[in-house]
Amino acid sequence: MEVSRIIAEIDAQISKLEQAKALLQGTSTTNTGRKGPRKNAGPAAPAAAKSGVKKKRNLSADARKRIAEAQKRRWAERRKEN
């Protein structure tokens, strides 16, 4: 095994252990690998929930229709190739 690979694996294990420690202490780390705030994350949850909220983007009926037609054309071309 290469030394750099061993060091990378040790760093990964350290990161996992630090996350586990933070969870046990009731604090959250900046990168937990989750996509959103957890329900029982403690005092950090409300701030994280407000900053991570994204507005839902809506398509008009005409835009959905154009996208659907374009995709159908792509599928038809693909069927012709095969």
PDB file of N, CA and C in Angstrom:
ATOM      1  N   MET A   1       0.831  -1.180   0.000  1.00  0.00           N
ATOM      2  CA  MET A   1       0.000   0.000   0.000  1.00  0.00           C
ATOM      3  C   MET A   1       0.877   1.245   0.000  1.00  0.00           C
ATOM      4  N   GLU A   2       0.463   2.230  -0.763  1.00  0.00           N
ATOM      5  CA  GLU A   2       1.217   3.468  -0.807  1.00  0.00           C
ATOM      6  C   GLU A   2       0.957   4.295   0.450  1.00  0.00           C
ATOM      7  N   VAL A   3       1.950   5.060   0.828  1.00  0.00           N
ATOM      8  CA  VAL A   3       1.837   5.891   2.026  1.00  0.00           C
ATOM      9  C   VAL A   3       0.722   6.927   1.857  1.00  0.00           C
ATOM     10  N   SER A   4       0.606   7.511   0.668  1.00  0.00           N
ATOM     11  CA  SER A   4      -0.429   8.532   0.456  1.00  0.00           C
ATOM     12  C   SER A   4      -1.830   7.941   0.597  1.00  0.00           C
ATOM     13  N   ARG A   5      -1.998   6.687   0.160  1.00  0.00           N
ATOM     14  CA  ARG A   5      -3.305   6.038   0.286  1.00  0.00           C
ATOM     15  C   ARG A   5      -3.629   5.745   1.752  1.00  0.00           C
ATOM     16  N   ILE A   6      -2.632   5.324   2.492  1.00  0.00           N
ATOM     17  CA  ILE A   6      -2.813   5.058   3.924  1.00  0.00           C
ATOM     18  C   ILE A   6      -3.203   6.347   4.648  1.00  0.00           C
ATOM     19  N   ILE A   7      -2.517   7.433   4.316  1.00  0.00           N
ATOM     20  CA  ILE A   7      -2.826   8.724   4.942  1.00  0.00           C
ATOM     21  C   ILE A   7      -4.243   9.159   4.599  1.00  0.00           C
ATOM     22  N   ALA A   8      -4.658   8.954   3.353  1.00  0.00           N
ATOM     23  CA  ALA A   8      -6.014   9.321   2.940  1.00  0.00           C
ATOM     24  C   ALA A   8      -7.054   8.518   3.724  1.00  0.00           C
ATOM     25  N   GLU A   9      -6.801   7.233   3.926  1.00  0.00           N
ATOM     26  CA  GLU A   9      -7.726   6.394   4.689  1.00  0.00           C
ATOM     27  C   GLU A   9      -7.773   6.817   6.156  1.00  0.00           C
ATOM     28  N   ILE A  10      -6.637   7.173   6.713  1.00  0.00           N
ATOM     29  CA  ILE A  10      -6.600   7.650   8.099  1.00  0.00           C
ATOM     30  C   ILE A  10      -7.385   8.949   8.225  1.00  0.00           C
ATOM     31  N   ASP A  11      -7.209   9.866   7.260  1.00  0.00           N
ATOM     32  CA  ASP A  11      -7.956  11.126   7.279  1.00  0.00           C
ATOM     33  C   ASP A  11      -9.462  10.876   7.199  1.00  0.00           C
ATOM     34  N   ALA A  12      -9.867   9.914   6.378  1.00  0.00           N
ATOM     35  CA  ALA A  12     -11.294   9.586   6.266  1.00  0.00           C
ATOM     36  C   ALA A  12     -11.829   9.054   7.588  1.00  0.00           C
ATOM     37  N   GLN A  13     -11.056   8.190   8.243  1.00  0.00           N
ATOM     38  CA  GLN A  13     -11.475   7.647   9.540  1.00  0.00           C
ATOM     39  C   GLN A  13     -11.548   8.742  10.602  1.00  0.00           C
ATOM     40  N   ILE A  14     -10.583   9.663  10.582  1.00  0.00           N
ATOM     41  CA  ILE A  14     -10.601  10.774  11.538  1.00  0.00           C
ATOM     42  C   ILE A  14     -11.849  11.615  11.334  1.00  0.00           C
ATOM     43  N   SER A  15     -12.189  11.888  10.077  1.00  0.00           N
ATOM     44  CA  SER A  15     -13.382  12.668   9.778  1.00  0.00           C
ATOM     45  C   SER A  15     -14.640  11.979  10.306  1.00  0.00           C
ATOM     46  N   LYS A  16     -14.735  10.669  10.096  1.00  0.00           N
ATOM     47  CA  LYS A  16     -15.889   9.910  10.591  1.00  0.00           C
ATOM     48  C   LYS A  16     -15.965   9.953  12.117  1.00  0.00           C
ATOM     49  N   LEU A  17     -14.823   9.810  12.758  1.00  0.00           N
ATOM     50  CA  LEU A  17     -14.801   9.843  14.222  1.00  0.00           C
ATOM     51  C   LEU A  17     -15.174  11.224  14.762  1.00  0.00           C
ATOM     52  N   GLU A  18     -14.721  12.283  14.090  1.00  0.00           N
ATOM     53  CA  GLU A  18     -15.073  13.639  14.525  1.00  0.00           C
ATOM     54  C   GLU A  18     -16.576  13.876  14.378  1.00  0.00           C
ATOM     55  N   GLN A  19     -17.167  13.362  13.300  1.00  0.00           N
ATOM     56  CA  GLN A  19     -18.613  13.489  13.124  1.00  0.00           C
ATOM     57  C   GLN A  19     -19.360  12.730  14.207  1.00  0.00           C
ATOM     58  N   ALA A  20     -18.902  11.527  14.524  1.00  0.00           N
ATOM     59  CA  ALA A  20     -19.552  10.731  15.572  1.00  0.00           C
ATOM     60  C   ALA A  20     -19.443  11.441  16.914  1.00  0.00           C
ATOM     61  N   LYS A  21     -18.289  12.015  17.203  1.00  0.00           N
ATOM     62  CA  LYS A  21     -18.086  12.748  18.453  1.00  0.00           C
ATOM     63  C   LYS A  21     -19.031  13.945  18.529  1.00  0.00           C
ATOM     64  N   ALA A  22     -19.138  14.680  17.428  1.00  0.00           N
ATOM     65  CA  ALA A  22     -20.019  15.852  17.397  1.00  0.00           C
ATOM     66  C   ALA A  22     -21.472  15.436  17.621  1.00  0.00           C
ATOM     67  N   LEU A  23     -21.882  14.329  17.038  1.00  0.00           N
ATOM     68  CA  LEU A  23     -23.253  13.857  17.232  1.00  0.00           C
ATOM     69  C   LEU A  23     -23.504  13.472  18.687  1.00  0.00           C
ATOM     70  N   LEU A  24     -22.536  12.814  19.291  1.00  0.00           N
ATOM     71  CA  LEU A  24     -22.693  12.408  20.678  1.00  0.00           C
ATOM     72  C   LEU A  24     -22.705  13.612  21.627  1.00  0.00           C
ATOM     73  N   GLN A  25     -21.973  14.655  21.274  1.00  0.00           N
ATOM     74  CA  GLN A  25     -21.935  15.851  22.101  1.00  0.00           C
ATOM     75  C   GLN A  25     -23.132  16.763  21.852  1.00  0.00           C
ATOM     76  N   GLY A  26     -23.885  16.486  20.795  1.00  0.00           N
ATOM     77  CA  GLY A  26     -25.060  17.301  20.506  1.00  0.00           C
ATOM     78  C   GLY A  26     -24.779  18.502  19.628  1.00  0.00           C
ATOM     79  N   THR A  27     -23.606  18.570  19.058  1.00  0.00           N
ATOM     80  CA  THR A  27     -23.294  19.641  18.124  1.00  0.00           C
ATOM     81  C   THR A  27     -23.253  19.074  16.729  1.00  0.00           C
ATOM     82  N   SER A  28     -23.373  19.928  15.739  1.00  0.00           N
ATOM     83  CA  SER A  28     -23.329  19.444  14.370  1.00  0.00           C
ATOM     84  C   SER A  28     -22.062  19.939  13.695  1.00  0.00           C
ATOM     85  N   THR A  29     -21.564  19.137  12.752  1.00  0.00           N
ATOM     86  CA  THR A  29     -20.402  19.543  11.971  1.00  0.00           C
ATOM     87  C   THR A  29     -20.885  20.225  10.715  1.00  0.00           C
ATOM     88  N   THR A  30     -19.992  20.898   9.997  1.00  0.00           N
ATOM     89  CA  THR A  30     -20.402  21.627   8.802  1.00  0.00           C
ATOM     90  C   THR A  30     -20.755  20.702   7.663  1.00  0.00           C
ATOM     91  N   ASN A  31     -20.132  19.542   7.545  1.00  0.00           N
ATOM     92  CA  ASN A  31     -20.400  18.640   6.437  1.00  0.00           C
ATOM     93  C   ASN A  31     -20.711  17.256   6.993  1.00  0.00           C
ATOM     94  N   THR A  32     -21.994  16.981   7.222  1.00  0.00           N
ATOM     95  CA  THR A  32     -22.383  15.686   7.759  1.00  0.00           C
ATOM     96  C   THR A  32     -22.795  14.725   6.665  1.00  0.00           C
ATOM     97  N   GLY A  33     -22.815  15.178   5.406  1.00  0.00           N
ATOM     98  CA  GLY A  33     -23.205  14.311   4.311  1.00  0.00           C
ATOM     99  C   GLY A  33     -24.706  14.227   4.127  1.00  0.00           C
ATOM    100  N   ARG A  34     -25.457  14.998   4.870  1.00  0.00           N
ATOM    101  CA  ARG A  34     -26.906  14.999   4.748  1.00  0.00           C
ATOM    102  C   ARG A  34     -27.341  16.150   3.852  1.00  0.00           C
ATOM    103  N   LYS A  35     -28.514  16.008   3.258  1.00  0.00           N
ATOM    104  CA  LYS A  35     -28.999  17.031   2.345  1.00  0.00           C
ATOM    105  C   LYS A  35     -29.776  18.135   3.037  1.00  0.00           C
ATOM    106  N   GLY A  36     -30.231  17.925   4.230  1.00  0.00           N
ATOM    107  CA  GLY A  36     -31.013  18.937   4.918  1.00  0.00           C
ATOM    108  C   GLY A  36     -30.850  18.842   6.411  1.00  0.00           C
ATOM    109  N   PRO A  37     -31.420  19.784   7.132  1.00  0.00           N
ATOM    110  CA  PRO A  37     -31.301  19.753   8.585  1.00  0.00           C
ATOM    111  C   PRO A  37     -32.096  18.598   9.178  1.00  0.00           C
ATOM    112  N   ARG A  38     -31.598  18.057  10.268  1.00  0.00           N
ATOM    113  CA  ARG A  38     -32.304  16.983  10.950  1.00  0.00           C
ATOM    114  C   ARG A  38     -33.297  17.572  11.931  1.00  0.00           C
ATOM    115  N   LYS A  39     -34.282  16.793  12.298  1.00  0.00           N
ATOM    116  CA  LYS A  39     -35.315  17.272  13.218  1.00  0.00           C
ATOM    117  C   LYS A  39     -34.755  17.569  14.602  1.00  0.00           C
ATOM    118  N   ASN A  40     -33.910  16.716  15.128  1.00  0.00           N
ATOM    119  CA  ASN A  40     -33.409  16.860  16.489  1.00  0.00           C
ATOM    120  C   ASN A  40     -31.956  17.307  16.509  1.00  0.00           C
ATOM    121  N   ALA A  41     -31.608  18.275  15.692  1.00  0.00           N
ATOM    122  CA  ALA A  41     -30.222  18.703  15.603  1.00  0.00           C
ATOM    123  C   ALA A  41     -29.849  19.696  16.683  1.00  0.00           C
ATOM    124  N   GLY A  42     -30.797  20.167  17.462  1.00  0.00           N
ATOM    125  CA  GLY A  42     -30.493  21.099  18.538  1.00  0.00           C
ATOM    126  C   GLY A  42     -30.600  22.544  18.096  1.00  0.00           C
ATOM    127  N   PRO A  43     -29.873  23.445  18.741  1.00  0.00           N
ATOM    128  CA  PRO A  43     -30.011  24.862  18.467  1.00  0.00           C
ATOM    129  C   PRO A  43     -29.573  25.276  17.061  1.00  0.00           C
ATOM    130  N   ALA A  44     -28.755  24.483  16.378  1.00  0.00           N
ATOM    131  CA  ALA A  44     -28.293  24.863  15.056  1.00  0.00           C
ATOM    132  C   ALA A  44     -29.347  24.624  13.979  1.00  0.00           C
ATOM    133  N   ALA A  45     -30.391  23.870  14.265  1.00  0.00           N
ATOM    134  CA  ALA A  45     -31.379  23.504  13.252  1.00  0.00           C
ATOM    135  C   ALA A  45     -32.140  24.691  12.669  1.00  0.00           C
ATOM    136  N   PRO A  46     -32.677  25.647  13.461  1.00  0.00           N
ATOM    137  CA  PRO A  46     -33.444  26.725  12.853  1.00  0.00           C
ATOM    138  C   PRO A  46     -32.633  27.588  11.891  1.00  0.00           C
ATOM    139  N   ALA A  47     -31.400  27.888  12.219  1.00  0.00           N
ATOM    140  CA  ALA A  47     -30.571  28.711  11.337  1.00  0.00           C
ATOM    141  C   ALA A  47     -30.269  27.958  10.047  1.00  0.00           C
ATOM    142  N   ALA A  48     -29.995  26.669  10.145  1.00  0.00           N
ATOM    143  CA  ALA A  48     -29.686  25.884   8.961  1.00  0.00           C
ATOM    144  C   ALA A  48     -30.913  25.752   8.069  1.00  0.00           C
ATOM    145  N   ALA A  49     -32.081  25.630   8.671  1.00  0.00           N
ATOM    146  CA  ALA A  49     -33.294  25.480   7.884  1.00  0.00           C
ATOM    147  C   ALA A  49     -33.595  26.748   7.092  1.00  0.00           C
ATOM    148  N   LYS A  50     -33.375  27.904   7.664  1.00  0.00           N
ATOM    149  CA  LYS A  50     -33.665  29.153   6.965  1.00  0.00           C
ATOM    150  C   LYS A  50     -32.700  29.399   5.821  1.00  0.00           C
ATOM    151  N   SER A  51     -31.429  29.088   6.005  1.00  0.00           N
ATOM    152  CA  SER A  51     -30.444  29.381   4.972  1.00  0.00           C
ATOM    153  C   SER A  51     -30.493  28.381   3.821  1.00  0.00           C
ATOM    154  N   GLY A  52     -30.990  27.169   4.053  1.00  0.00           N
ATOM    155  CA  GLY A  52     -30.987  26.144   3.026  1.00  0.00           C
ATOM    156  C   GLY A  52     -32.265  26.061   2.212  1.00  0.00           C
ATOM    157  N   VAL A  53     -33.245  26.913   2.478  1.00  0.00           N
ATOM    158  CA  VAL A  53     -34.523  26.841   1.791  1.00  0.00           C
ATOM    159  C   VAL A  53     -34.388  27.468   0.410  1.00  0.00           C
ATOM    160  N   LYS A  54     -34.807  26.711  -0.608  1.00  0.00           N
ATOM    161  CA  LYS A  54     -34.780  27.232  -1.971  1.00  0.00           C
ATOM    162  C   LYS A  54     -36.204  27.335  -2.480  1.00  0.00           C
ATOM    163  N   LYS A  55     -36.461  28.381  -3.226  1.00  0.00           N
ATOM    164  CA  LYS A  55     -37.796  28.591  -3.769  1.00  0.00           C
ATOM    165  C   LYS A  55     -38.035  27.602  -4.911  1.00  0.00           C
ATOM    166  N   LYS A  56     -39.214  27.026  -4.941  1.00  0.00           N
ATOM    167  CA  LYS A  56     -39.569  26.079  -5.977  1.00  0.00           C
ATOM    168  C   LYS A  56     -39.788  26.824  -7.284  1.00  0.00           C
ATOM    169  N   ARG A  57     -39.213  26.299  -8.362  1.00  0.00           N
ATOM    170  CA  ARG A  57     -39.358  26.935  -9.656  1.00  0.00           C
ATOM    171  C   ARG A  57     -40.473  26.242 -10.426  1.00  0.00           C
ATOM    172  N   ASN A  58     -41.374  27.013 -10.986  1.00  0.00           N
ATOM    173  CA  ASN A  58     -42.517  26.467 -11.706  1.00  0.00           C
ATOM    174  C   ASN A  58     -42.371  26.702 -13.199  1.00  0.00           C
ATOM    175  N   LEU A  59     -42.771  25.704 -13.988  1.00  0.00           N
ATOM    176  CA  LEU A  59     -42.796  25.840 -15.440  1.00  0.00           C
ATOM    177  C   LEU A  59     -44.216  26.137 -15.879  1.00  0.00           C
ATOM    178  N   SER A  60     -44.332  26.938 -16.924  1.00  0.00           N
ATOM    179  CA  SER A  60     -45.653  27.198 -17.477  1.00  0.00           C
ATOM    180  C   SER A  60     -46.090  25.963 -18.262  1.00  0.00           C
ATOM    181  N   ALA A  61     -47.373  25.884 -18.552  1.00  0.00           N
ATOM    182  CA  ALA A  61     -47.901  24.758 -19.313  1.00  0.00           C
ATOM    183  C   ALA A  61     -47.271  24.714 -20.696  1.00  0.00           C
ATOM    184  N   ASP A  62     -47.058  25.880 -21.293  1.00  0.00           N
ATOM    185  CA  ASP A  62     -46.443  25.943 -22.622  1.00  0.00           C
ATOM    186  C   ASP A  62     -45.008  25.418 -22.582  1.00  0.00           C
ATOM    187  N   ALA A  63     -44.265  25.783 -21.553  1.00  0.00           N
ATOM    188  CA  ALA A  63     -42.882  25.326 -21.431  1.00  0.00           C
ATOM    189  C   ALA A  63     -42.832  23.810 -21.234  1.00  0.00           C
ATOM    190  N   ARG A  64     -43.729  23.265 -20.412  1.00  0.00           N
ATOM    191  CA  ARG A  64     -43.776  21.807 -20.218  1.00  0.00           C
ATOM    192  C   ARG A  64     -44.081  21.100 -21.529  1.00  0.00           C
ATOM    193  N   LYS A  65     -44.993  21.683 -22.316  1.00  0.00           N
ATOM    194  CA  LYS A  65     -45.377  21.096 -23.596  1.00  0.00           C
ATOM    195  C   LYS A  65     -44.184  21.092 -24.558  1.00  0.00           C
ATOM    196  N   ARG A  66     -43.439  22.206 -24.623  1.00  0.00           N
ATOM    197  CA  ARG A  66     -42.278  22.268 -25.504  1.00  0.00           C
ATOM    198  C   ARG A  66     -41.208  21.263 -25.095  1.00  0.00           C
ATOM    199  N   ILE A  67     -40.992  21.131 -23.801  1.00  0.00           N
ATOM    200  CA  ILE A  67     -39.994  20.168 -23.310  1.00  0.00           C
ATOM    201  C   ILE A  67     -40.420  18.742 -23.639  1.00  0.00           C
ATOM    202  N   ALA A  68     -41.703  18.432 -23.459  1.00  0.00           N
ATOM    203  CA  ALA A  68     -42.210  17.093 -23.752  1.00  0.00           C
ATOM    204  C   ALA A  68     -42.073  16.779 -25.237  1.00  0.00           C
ATOM    205  N   GLU A  69     -42.399  17.734 -26.085  1.00  0.00           N
ATOM    206  CA  GLU A  69     -42.278  17.508 -27.530  1.00  0.00           C
ATOM    207  C   GLU A  69     -40.822  17.313 -27.941  1.00  0.00           C
ATOM    208  N   ALA A  70     -39.929  18.100 -27.380  1.00  0.00           N
ATOM    209  CA  ALA A  70     -38.510  17.955 -27.698  1.00  0.00           C
ATOM    210  C   ALA A  70     -38.004  16.589 -27.270  1.00  0.00           C
ATOM    211  N   GLN A  71     -38.421  16.129 -26.096  1.00  0.00           N
ATOM    212  CA  GLN A  71     -37.981  14.812 -25.617  1.00  0.00           C
ATOM    213  C   GLN A  71     -38.533  13.706 -26.500  1.00  0.00           C
ATOM    214  N   LYS A  72     -39.777  13.839 -26.937  1.00  0.00           N
ATOM    215  CA  LYS A  72     -40.354  12.830 -27.831  1.00  0.00           C
ATOM    216  C   LYS A  72     -39.587  12.766 -29.138  1.00  0.00           C
ATOM    217  N   ARG A  73     -39.151  13.928 -29.648  1.00  0.00           N
ATOM    218  CA  ARG A  73     -38.339  13.944 -30.871  1.00  0.00           C
ATOM    219  C   ARG A  73     -37.009  13.227 -30.635  1.00  0.00           C
ATOM    220  N   ARG A  74     -36.398  13.458 -29.464  1.00  0.00           N
ATOM    221  CA  ARG A  74     -35.132  12.782 -29.149  1.00  0.00           C
ATOM    222  C   ARG A  74     -35.322  11.263 -29.094  1.00  0.00           C
ATOM    223  N   TRP A  75     -36.408  10.824 -28.476  1.00  0.00           N
ATOM    224  CA  TRP A  75     -36.669   9.391 -28.384  1.00  0.00           C
ATOM    225  C   TRP A  75     -36.892   8.798 -29.776  1.00  0.00           C
ATOM    226  N   ALA A  76     -37.629   9.536 -30.635  1.00  0.00           N
ATOM    227  CA  ALA A  76     -37.886   9.052 -31.990  1.00  0.00           C
ATOM    228  C   ALA A  76     -36.577   8.919 -32.769  1.00  0.00           C
ATOM    229  N   GLU A  77     -35.683   9.890 -32.641  1.00  0.00           N
ATOM    230  CA  GLU A  77     -34.381   9.815 -33.312  1.00  0.00           C
ATOM    231  C   GLU A  77     -33.587   8.620 -32.799  1.00  0.00           C
ATOM    232  N   ARG A  78     -33.657   8.375 -31.512  1.00  0.00           N
ATOM    233  CA  ARG A  78     -32.918   7.262 -30.903  1.00  0.00           C
ATOM    234  C   ARG A  78     -33.442   5.933 -31.425  1.00  0.00           C
ATOM    235  N   ARG A  79     -34.768   5.821 -31.574  1.00  0.00           N
ATOM    236  CA  ARG A  79     -35.359   4.583 -32.097  1.00  0.00           C
ATOM    237  C   ARG A  79     -34.939   4.354 -33.547  1.00  0.00           C
ATOM    238  N   LYS A  80     -34.815   5.430 -34.319  1.00  0.00           N
ATOM    239  CA  LYS A  80     -34.405   5.303 -35.719  1.00  0.00           C
ATOM    240  C   LYS A  80     -32.965   4.805 -35.815  1.00  0.00           C
ATOM    241  N   GLU A  81     -32.100   5.243 -34.899  1.00  0.00           N
ATOM    242  CA  GLU A  81     -30.699   4.828 -34.913  1.00  0.00           C
ATOM    243  C   GLU A  81     -30.565   3.332 -34.628  1.00  0.00           C
ATOM    244  N   ASN A  82     -31.404   2.797 -33.766  1.00  0.00           N
ATOM    245  CA  ASN A  82     -31.294   1.393 -33.364  1.00  0.00           C
ATOM    246  C   ASN A  82     -32.144   0.584 -34.239  1.00  0.00           C
TER     247      ASN A  82
END
